[in-house]
C-alpha atoms as a PDB file:
ATOM      1  CA  UNK A   1     150.307-174.884  51.791  1.00  0.00           C
ATOM      2  CA  UNK A   2     152.156-171.780  52.989  1.00  0.00           C
ATOM      3  CA  UNK A   3     148.863-170.248  54.172  1.00  0.00           C
ATOM      4  CA  UNK A   4     147.993-173.383  56.157  1.00  0.00           C
ATOM      5  CA  UNK A   5     151.408-173.426  57.831  1.00  0.00           C
ATOM      6  CA  UNK A   6     151.096-169.735  58.630  1.00  0.00           C
ATOM      7  CA  UNK A   7     147.679-170.184  60.251  1.00  0.00           C
ATOM      8  CA  UNK A   8     148.998-173.050  62.386  1.00  0.00           C
ATOM      9  CA  UNK A   9     151.886-170.863  63.494  1.00  0.00           C
ATOM     10  CA  UNK A  10     149.503-168.026  64.288  1.00  0.00           C
ATOM     11  CA  UNK A  11     147.415-170.146  66.638  1.00  0.00           C
ATOM     12  CA  UNK A  12     150.485-171.648  68.297  1.00  0.00           C
ATOM     13  CA  UNK A  13     152.434-168.394  68.754  1.00  0.00           C
ATOM     14  CA  UNK A  14     149.933-165.522  68.246  1.00  0.00           C
ATOM     15  CA  UNK A  15     152.632-163.751  66.222  1.00  0.00           C
ATOM     16  CA  UNK A  16     152.501-162.681  62.580  1.00  0.00           C
ATOM     17  CA  UNK A  17     153.656-159.978  60.206  1.00  0.00           C
ATOM     18  CA  UNK A  18     151.005-157.335  59.706  1.00  0.00           C
ATOM     19  CA  UNK A  19     147.432-156.549  58.643  1.00  0.00           C
ATOM     20  CA  UNK A  20     146.262-155.458  55.206  1.00  0.00           C
ATOM     21  CA  UNK A  21     142.827-153.840  55.007  1.00  0.00           C
ATOM     22  CA  UNK A  22     140.527-155.667  52.584  1.00  0.00           C
ATOM     23  CA  UNK A  23     137.249-153.846  53.053  1.00  0.00           C
ATOM     24  CA  UNK A  24     135.298-151.514  55.289  1.00  0.00           C
ATOM     25  CA  UNK A  25     131.569-152.211  55.216  1.00  0.00           C
ATOM     26  CA  UNK A  26     129.221-149.538  56.503  1.00  0.00           C
ATOM     27  CA  UNK A  27     126.386-151.204  58.382  1.00  0.00           C
ATOM     28  CA  UNK A  28     124.438-150.463  61.545  1.00  0.00           C
ATOM     29  CA  UNK A  29     124.571-153.831  63.293  1.00  0.00           C
ATOM     30  CA  UNK A  30     123.998-155.004  66.845  1.00  0.00           C
ATOM     31  CA  UNK A  31     125.890-158.267  66.413  1.00  0.00           C
ATOM     32  CA  UNK A  32     128.149-160.106  64.026  1.00  0.00           C
ATOM     33  CA  UNK A  33     129.695-163.543  63.706  1.00  0.00           C
ATOM     34  CA  UNK A  34     131.739-165.477  61.158  1.00  0.00           C
ATOM     35  CA  UNK A  35     131.705-169.039  59.854  1.00  0.00           C
ATOM     36  CA  UNK A  36     134.637-171.280  59.040  1.00  0.00           C
ATOM     37  CA  UNK A  37     134.569-170.158  55.389  1.00  0.00           C
ATOM     38  CA  UNK A  38     135.107-166.550  56.467  1.00  0.00           C
ATOM     39  CA  UNK A  39     131.563-165.412  55.666  1.00  0.00           C
ATOM     40  CA  UNK A  40     130.276-162.602  57.892  1.00  0.00           C
ATOM     41  CA  UNK A  41     126.749-162.458  59.351  1.00  0.00           C
ATOM     42  CA  UNK A  42     125.262-159.320  60.878  1.00  0.00           C
ATOM     43  CA  UNK A  43     122.036-158.837  62.822  1.00  0.00           C
ATOM     44  CA  UNK A  44     119.941-155.708  63.181  1.00  0.00           C
ATOM     45  CA  UNK A  45     116.549-156.312  64.815  1.00  0.00           C
ATOM     46  CA  UNK A  46     114.706-158.637  62.384  1.00  0.00           C
ATOM     47  CA  UNK A  47     117.329-158.484  59.645  1.00  0.00           C
ATOM     48  CA  UNK A  48     120.070-161.066  59.105  1.00  0.00           C
ATOM     49  CA  UNK A  49     122.605-160.230  56.380  1.00  0.00           C
ATOM     50  CA  UNK A  50     125.386-162.418  54.979  1.00  0.00           C
ATOM     51  CA  UNK A  51     128.634-161.177  53.414  1.00  0.00           C
ATOM     52  CA  UNK A  52     131.502-163.117  51.882  1.00  0.00           C
ATOM     53  CA  UNK A  53     135.036-163.067  53.300  1.00  0.00           C
ATOM     54  CA  UNK A  54     135.855-159.902  51.341  1.00  0.00           C
ATOM     55  CA  UNK A  55     132.766-157.994  52.478  1.00  0.00           C
ATOM     56  CA  UNK A  56     130.524-158.470  49.430  1.00  0.00           C
ATOM     57  CA  UNK A  57     126.848-158.724  50.394  1.00  0.00           C
ATOM     58  CA  UNK A  58     125.463-162.129  49.406  1.00  0.00           C
ATOM     59  CA  UNK A  59     121.922-162.390  50.775  1.00  0.00           C
ATOM     60  CA  UNK A  60     119.587-161.414  53.609  1.00  0.00           C
ATOM     61  CA  UNK A  61     116.759-162.886  55.664  1.00  0.00           C
ATOM     62  CA  UNK A  62     114.030-161.567  57.942  1.00  0.00           C
ATOM     63  CA  UNK A  63     110.817-162.917  59.427  1.00  0.00           C
ATOM     64  CA  UNK A  64     108.185-160.337  60.271  1.00  0.00           C
ATOM     65  CA  UNK A  65     106.065-162.863  62.174  1.00  0.00           C
ATOM     66  CA  UNK A  66     108.720-163.852  64.723  1.00  0.00           C
ATOM     67  CA  UNK A  67     110.153-160.431  65.553  1.00  0.00           C
ATOM     68  CA  UNK A  68     113.745-159.652  66.426  1.00  0.00           C
ATOM     69  CA  UNK A  69     116.526-162.214  66.194  1.00  0.00           C
ATOM     70  CA  UNK A  70     117.928-163.055  69.616  1.00  0.00           C
ATOM     71  CA  UNK A  71     120.940-165.119  68.536  1.00  0.00           C
ATOM     72  CA  UNK A  72     122.563-166.940  65.667  1.00  0.00           C
ATOM     73  CA  UNK A  73     124.745-170.041  65.342  1.00  0.00           C
ATOM     74  CA  UNK A  74     126.690-170.525  62.093  1.00  0.00           C
ATOM     75  CA  UNK A  75     128.876-173.414  63.273  1.00  0.00           C
ATOM     76  CA  UNK A  76     127.344-175.371  60.390  1.00  0.00           C
ATOM     77  CA  UNK A  77     127.167-172.855  57.505  1.00  0.00           C
ATOM     78  CA  UNK A  78     124.824-175.189  55.611  1.00  0.00           C
ATOM     79  CA  UNK A  79     122.375-175.340  58.518  1.00  0.00           C
ATOM     80  CA  UNK A  80     122.310-171.994  60.307  1.00  0.00           C
ATOM     81  CA  UNK A  81     120.320-171.770  63.531  1.00  0.00           C
ATOM     82  CA  UNK A  82     118.323-168.589  64.230  1.00  0.00           C
ATOM     83  CA  UNK A  83     116.729-168.172  67.664  1.00  0.00           C
ATOM     84  CA  UNK A  84     113.693-165.970  68.295  1.00  0.00           C
ATOM     85  CA  UNK A  85     113.539-165.703  72.072  1.00  0.00           C
ATOM     86  CA  UNK A  86     110.359-163.602  72.291  1.00  0.00           C
ATOM     87  CA  UNK A  87     108.386-166.282  70.451  1.00  0.00           C
ATOM     88  CA  UNK A  88     110.388-169.247  71.824  1.00  0.00           C
ATOM     89  CA  UNK A  89     111.082-170.539  68.323  1.00  0.00           C
ATOM     90  CA  UNK A  90     114.045-171.494  66.173  1.00  0.00           C
ATOM     91  CA  UNK A  91     114.482-171.589  62.413  1.00  0.00           C
ATOM     92  CA  UNK A  92     117.152-173.316  60.341  1.00  0.00           C
ATOM     93  CA  UNK A  93     118.511-171.662  57.188  1.00  0.00           C
ATOM     94  CA  UNK A  94     120.700-172.974  54.379  1.00  0.00           C
ATOM     95  CA  UNK A  95     123.782-171.237  52.985  1.00  0.00           C
ATOM     96  CA  UNK A  96     121.604-168.897  50.889  1.00  0.00           C
ATOM     97  CA  UNK A  97     119.548-167.988  53.993  1.00  0.00           C
ATOM     98  CA  UNK A  98     116.537-169.871  52.687  1.00  0.00           C
ATOM     99  CA  UNK A  99     114.483-171.672  55.338  1.00  0.00           C
ATOM    100  CA  UNK A 100     114.922-175.391  55.959  1.00  0.00           C
ATOM    101  CA  UNK A 101     111.621-176.890  57.045  1.00  0.00           C
ATOM    102  CA  UNK A 102     109.157-175.180  59.369  1.00  0.00           C
ATOM    103  CA  UNK A 103     109.904-173.136  62.525  1.00  0.00           C
ATOM    104  CA  UNK A 104     110.363-175.214  65.673  1.00  0.00           C
ATOM    105  CA  UNK A 105     108.191-174.049  68.543  1.00  0.00           C
ATOM    106  CA  UNK A 106     110.032-174.965  71.729  1.00  0.00           C
ATOM    107  CA  UNK A 107     106.780-174.993  73.665  1.00  0.00           C
ATOM    108  CA  UNK A 108     105.934-178.150  71.729  1.00  0.00           C
ATOM    109  CA  UNK A 109     108.816-179.974  73.434  1.00  0.00           C
ATOM    110  CA  UNK A 110     107.882-178.594  76.861  1.00  0.00           C
ATOM    111  CA  UNK A 111     110.552-175.892  76.921  1.00  0.00           C
ATOM    112  CA  UNK A 112     108.787-172.730  78.030  1.00  0.00           C
ATOM    113  CA  UNK A 113     111.772-170.531  78.934  1.00  0.00           C
ATOM    114  CA  UNK A 114     114.694-171.059  76.573  1.00  0.00           C
ATOM    115  CA  UNK A 115     117.358-168.431  77.163  1.00  0.00           C
ATOM    116  CA  UNK A 116     120.084-169.696  74.842  1.00  0.00           C
ATOM    117  CA  UNK A 117     120.040-172.059  71.871  1.00  0.00           C
ATOM    118  CA  UNK A 118     122.928-173.332  69.749  1.00  0.00           C
ATOM    119  CA  UNK A 119     123.364-175.896  67.005  1.00  0.00           C
ATOM    120  CA  UNK A 120     124.658-179.390  67.612  1.00  0.00           C
ATOM    121  CA  UNK A 121     126.063-182.271  65.584  1.00  0.00           C
ATOM    122  CA  UNK A 122     123.827-184.465  63.410  1.00  0.00           C
ATOM    123  CA  UNK A 123     121.390-181.579  62.900  1.00  0.00           C
ATOM    124  CA  UNK A 124     120.367-181.348  66.539  1.00  0.00           C
ATOM    125  CA  UNK A 125     120.335-178.365  68.871  1.00  0.00           C
ATOM    126  CA  UNK A 126     121.054-177.517  72.499  1.00  0.00           C
ATOM    127  CA  UNK A 127     118.989-175.322  74.819  1.00  0.00           C
ATOM    128  CA  UNK A 128     119.717-173.630  78.107  1.00  0.00           C
ATOM    129  CA  UNK A 129     116.410-173.697  79.972  1.00  0.00           C
ATOM    130  CA  UNK A 130     116.276-170.819  82.452  1.00  0.00           C
ATOM    131  CA  UNK A 131     113.385-172.454  84.304  1.00  0.00           C
ATOM    132  CA  UNK A 132     115.110-175.775  85.038  1.00  0.00           C
ATOM    133  CA  UNK A 133     118.662-174.305  84.962  1.00  0.00           C
ATOM    134  CA  UNK A 134     119.757-177.170  82.681  1.00  0.00           C
ATOM    135  CA  UNK A 135     121.305-177.562  79.259  1.00  0.00           C
ATOM    136  CA  UNK A 136     119.319-180.017  77.143  1.00  0.00           C
ATOM    137  CA  UNK A 137     120.250-181.545  73.805  1.00  0.00           C
ATOM    138  CA  UNK A 138     117.620-182.550  71.231  1.00  0.00           C
ATOM    139  CA  UNK A 139     118.147-184.521  68.042  1.00  0.00           C
ATOM    140  CA  UNK A 140     116.745-183.690  64.601  1.00  0.00           C
ATOM    141  CA  UNK A 141     113.500-185.482  65.464  1.00  0.00           C
ATOM    142  CA  UNK A 142     113.059-183.252  68.554  1.00  0.00           C
ATOM    143  CA  UNK A 143     113.770-186.122  70.944  1.00  0.00           C
ATOM    144  CA  UNK A 144     115.672-185.340  74.147  1.00  0.00           C
ATOM    145  CA  UNK A 145     119.194-186.809  73.975  1.00  0.00           C
ATOM    146  CA  UNK A 146     120.451-185.653  77.379  1.00  0.00           C
ATOM    147  CA  UNK A 147     120.031-183.008  80.029  1.00  0.00           C
ATOM    148  CA  UNK A 148     122.592-181.723  82.499  1.00  0.00           C
ATOM    149  CA  UNK A 149     122.226-181.415  86.226  1.00  0.00           C
ATOM    150  CA  UNK A 150     120.717-178.234  87.644  1.00  0.00           C
ATOM    151  CA  UNK A 151     123.559-175.752  87.135  1.00  0.00           C
ATOM    152  CA  UNK A 152     122.661-173.716  90.212  1.00  0.00           C
ATOM    153  CA  UNK A 153     124.476-176.495  92.081  1.00  0.00           C
ATOM    154  CA  UNK A 154     127.654-175.343  90.331  1.00  0.00           C
ATOM    155  CA  UNK A 155     127.351-171.575  90.182  1.00  0.00           C
ATOM    156  CA  UNK A 156     124.734-170.591  92.759  1.00  0.00           C
ATOM    157  CA  UNK A 157     121.026-169.924  92.562  1.00  0.00           C
ATOM    158  CA  UNK A 158     121.117-166.720  90.490  1.00  0.00           C
ATOM    159  CA  UNK A 159     123.162-166.705  87.283  1.00  0.00           C
ATOM    160  CA  UNK A 160     122.614-165.488  83.732  1.00  0.00           C
ATOM    161  CA  UNK A 161     124.571-167.231  80.952  1.00  0.00           C
ATOM    162  CA  UNK A 162     124.846-165.130  77.808  1.00  0.00           C
ATOM    163  CA  UNK A 163     126.495-167.352  75.173  1.00  0.00           C
ATOM    164  CA  UNK A 164     126.697-171.040  74.303  1.00  0.00           C
ATOM    165  CA  UNK A 165     128.264-173.171  71.576  1.00  0.00           C
ATOM    166  CA  UNK A 166     129.148-176.769  70.834  1.00  0.00           C
ATOM    167  CA  UNK A 167     132.597-177.556  69.463  1.00  0.00           C
ATOM    168  CA  UNK A 168     134.318-180.904  68.911  1.00  0.00           C
ATOM    169  CA  UNK A 169     131.913-182.754  71.168  1.00  0.00           C
ATOM    170  CA  UNK A 170     132.010-180.265  74.053  1.00  0.00           C
ATOM    171  CA  UNK A 171     129.442-177.646  75.049  1.00  0.00           C
ATOM    172  CA  UNK A 172     130.762-174.275  76.251  1.00  0.00           C
ATOM    173  CA  UNK A 173     128.370-172.172  78.349  1.00  0.00           C
ATOM    174  CA  UNK A 174     129.484-168.652  79.207  1.00  0.00           C
ATOM    175  CA  UNK A 175     128.466-167.343  82.648  1.00  0.00           C
ATOM    176  CA  UNK A 176     130.032-163.847  82.844  1.00  0.00           C
ATOM    177  CA  UNK A 177     130.511-163.716  86.614  1.00  0.00           C
ATOM    178  CA  UNK A 178     131.832-167.268  86.829  1.00  0.00           C
ATOM    179  CA  UNK A 179     133.599-168.286  83.623  1.00  0.00           C
ATOM    180  CA  UNK A 180     133.011-170.730  80.785  1.00  0.00           C
ATOM    181  CA  UNK A 181     131.412-173.996  81.926  1.00  0.00           C
ATOM    182  CA  UNK A 182     132.407-176.985  79.773  1.00  0.00           C
ATOM    183  CA  UNK A 183     130.290-180.138  79.382  1.00  0.00           C
ATOM    184  CA  UNK A 184     131.153-183.406  77.667  1.00  0.00           C
ATOM    185  CA  UNK A 185     129.278-185.296  74.964  1.00  0.00           C
ATOM    186  CA  UNK A 186     126.796-186.632  77.540  1.00  0.00           C
ATOM    187  CA  UNK A 187     126.037-183.251  79.119  1.00  0.00           C
ATOM    188  CA  UNK A 188     128.174-184.041  82.169  1.00  0.00           C
ATOM    189  CA  UNK A 189     130.029-181.096  83.710  1.00  0.00           C
ATOM    190  CA  UNK A 190     133.730-181.312  82.834  1.00  0.00           C
ATOM    191  CA  UNK A 191     135.449-178.128  84.012  1.00  0.00           C
ATOM    192  CA  UNK A 192     135.320-174.335  84.233  1.00  0.00           C
ATOM    193  CA  UNK A 193     137.578-172.053  82.204  1.00  0.00           C
ATOM    194  CA  UNK A 194     138.072-168.988  84.373  1.00  0.00           C
ATOM    195  CA  UNK A 195     137.611-166.231  81.810  1.00  0.00           C
ATOM    196  CA  UNK A 196     135.070-163.756  83.142  1.00  0.00           C
ATOM    197  CA  UNK A 197     132.960-160.843  81.922  1.00  0.00           C
ATOM    198  CA  UNK A 198     132.987-161.561  78.189  1.00  0.00           C
ATOM    199  CA  UNK A 199     130.069-161.631  75.758  1.00  0.00           C
ATOM    200  CA  UNK A 200     131.148-164.284  73.252  1.00  0.00           C
ATOM    201  CA  UNK A 201     134.185-166.256  72.113  1.00  0.00           C
ATOM    202  CA  UNK A 202     135.569-168.658  69.519  1.00  0.00           C
ATOM    203  CA  UNK A 203     137.071-172.091  70.147  1.00  0.00           C
ATOM    204  CA  UNK A 204     140.013-172.816  67.848  1.00  0.00           C
ATOM    205  CA  UNK A 205     141.805-176.046  68.708  1.00  0.00           C
ATOM    206  CA  UNK A 206     142.891-175.751  72.333  1.00  0.00           C
ATOM    207  CA  UNK A 207     142.395-171.974  72.318  1.00  0.00           C
ATOM    208  CA  UNK A 208     139.621-169.656  73.439  1.00  0.00           C
ATOM    209  CA  UNK A 209     139.675-166.415  71.420  1.00  0.00           C
ATOM    210  CA  UNK A 210     137.732-163.395  72.610  1.00  0.00           C
ATOM    211  CA  UNK A 211     137.707-159.608  72.365  1.00  0.00           C
ATOM    212  CA  UNK A 212     138.502-157.513  75.446  1.00  0.00           C
ATOM    213  CA  UNK A 213     139.798-153.969  75.978  1.00  0.00           C
ATOM    214  CA  UNK A 214     140.172-153.319  72.232  1.00  0.00           C
ATOM    215  CA  UNK A 215     142.434-156.338  71.809  1.00  0.00           C
ATOM    216  CA  UNK A 216     142.156-159.976  70.793  1.00  0.00           C
ATOM    217  CA  UNK A 217     142.841-162.355  73.661  1.00  0.00           C
ATOM    218  CA  UNK A 218     143.921-165.980  73.356  1.00  0.00           C
ATOM    219  CA  UNK A 219     143.738-168.449  76.228  1.00  0.00           C
ATOM    220  CA  UNK A 220     145.080-171.978  75.795  1.00  0.00           C
ATOM    221  CA  UNK A 221     143.074-174.226  78.103  1.00  0.00           C
ATOM    222  CA  UNK A 222     145.681-176.996  77.872  1.00  0.00           C
ATOM    223  CA  UNK A 223     148.774-174.952  78.765  1.00  0.00           C
ATOM    224  CA  UNK A 224     146.763-172.301  80.722  1.00  0.00           C
ATOM    225  CA  UNK A 225     148.771-169.640  78.901  1.00  0.00           C
ATOM    226  CA  UNK A 226     147.224-166.281  77.959  1.00  0.00           C
ATOM    227  CA  UNK A 227     148.341-163.913  75.206  1.00  0.00           C
ATOM    228  CA  UNK A 228     147.067-160.573  73.930  1.00  0.00           C
ATOM    229  CA  UNK A 229     147.138-159.098  70.443  1.00  0.00           C
ATOM    230  CA  UNK A 230     146.610-155.387  69.855  1.00  0.00           C
ATOM    231  CA  UNK A 231     144.177-154.818  67.019  1.00  0.00           C
ATOM    232  CA  UNK A 232     144.646-152.382  64.142  1.00  0.00           C
ATOM    233  CA  UNK A 233     142.344-149.358  64.383  1.00  0.00           C
ATOM    234  CA  UNK A 234     141.580-150.527  67.911  1.00  0.00           C
ATOM    235  CA  UNK A 235     139.370-147.710  69.207  1.00  0.00           C
ATOM    236  CA  UNK A 236     135.761-148.547  70.124  1.00  0.00           C
ATOM    237  CA  UNK A 237     135.862-152.186  69.089  1.00  0.00           C
ATOM    238  CA  UNK A 238     132.618-154.047  69.841  1.00  0.00           C
ATOM    239  CA  UNK A 239     133.805-157.497  68.834  1.00  0.00           C
ATOM    240  CA  UNK A 240     136.368-159.274  66.664  1.00  0.00           C
ATOM    241  CA  UNK A 241     136.847-162.641  65.030  1.00  0.00           C
ATOM    242  CA  UNK A 242     139.539-164.709  63.272  1.00  0.00           C
ATOM    243  CA  UNK A 243     138.901-167.108  60.377  1.00  0.00           C
ATOM    244  CA  UNK A 244     141.852-168.554  58.460  1.00  0.00           C
ATOM    245  CA  UNK A 245     143.878-165.565  57.183  1.00  0.00           C
ATOM    246  CA  UNK A 246     141.182-162.961  57.937  1.00  0.00           C
ATOM    247  CA  UNK A 247     140.676-160.685  60.919  1.00  0.00           C
ATOM    248  CA  UNK A 248     137.197-159.162  61.322  1.00  0.00           C
ATOM    249  CA  UNK A 249     136.430-156.195  63.586  1.00  0.00           C
ATOM    250  CA  UNK A 250     132.958-154.879  64.412  1.00  0.00           C
ATOM    251  CA  UNK A 251     132.456-151.230  65.345  1.00  0.00           C
ATOM    252  CA  UNK A 252     129.352-149.138  65.910  1.00  0.00           C
ATOM    253  CA  UNK A 253     128.493-148.419  62.267  1.00  0.00           C
ATOM    254  CA  UNK A 254     130.767-150.711  60.266  1.00  0.00           C
ATOM    255  CA  UNK A 255     132.863-153.824  60.205  1.00  0.00           C
ATOM    256  CA  UNK A 256     136.422-154.078  58.939  1.00  0.00           C
ATOM    257  CA  UNK A 257     138.089-156.986  57.183  1.00  0.00           C
ATOM    258  CA  UNK A 258     141.861-157.439  57.273  1.00  0.00           C
ATOM    259  CA  UNK A 259     144.111-160.019  55.695  1.00  0.00           C
ATOM    260  CA  UNK A 260     146.801-161.346  58.022  1.00  0.00           C
ATOM    261  CA  UNK A 261     150.021-160.981  56.048  1.00  0.00           C
ATOM    262  CA  UNK A 262     153.150-163.062  56.583  1.00  0.00           C
ATOM    263  CA  UNK A 263     156.108-160.744  56.123  1.00  0.00           C
ATOM    264  CA  UNK A 264     158.742-163.414  55.543  1.00  0.00           C
END
């Protein structure tokens, strides 16, 4: 119970005691993310590797036929979405990184130029189609649920979103030069959160968390208040993440795991 209260206080105040290093894992990774259990996932070319919240390697996955992994969505740790942009296909994996069903070829649903793909509720998925400039949601039977308007009407003819996720019924699409576009459960544009020039982010309650200038930034999109937290060992940080009482930091050849310690 104390841990739960502490986490709630952290996200409301962005203040805490200190960090205690748990592990330093040497790995040459281009990308990492974390799930809500604190598991860590790293990508290097074709290789996806999963670690537990203390940095112990659990399992790995690669597919030599589909090439390099373009992106990963672990919002549902029991149904992980892996996107292979070069082959326009997605694969779902379970919590042991074993495949669920067959690869989905997006050409079969008339999507020829998917740029971004993320998971959605009820085992669906969402695509940003760079040809139509729309976000489109598909259900588990590959039927189109909705599509947005042409987003060039919002942000101009030329734009390149680089990250997308669904959280609590909303879709967040990051357009670095514009901000984070938010869409409701029907794919209707809702608002723009004016955070620019970031690569990825987390949504925790009413907060957007993201890494910038070797620090962890928090923006509350209800109060419009921003706060900054200096990271431990902050030099050359590529990305960072928070899950429960863990802080994760990715650097060039390793990732670090810290426990957030309440000093009361």
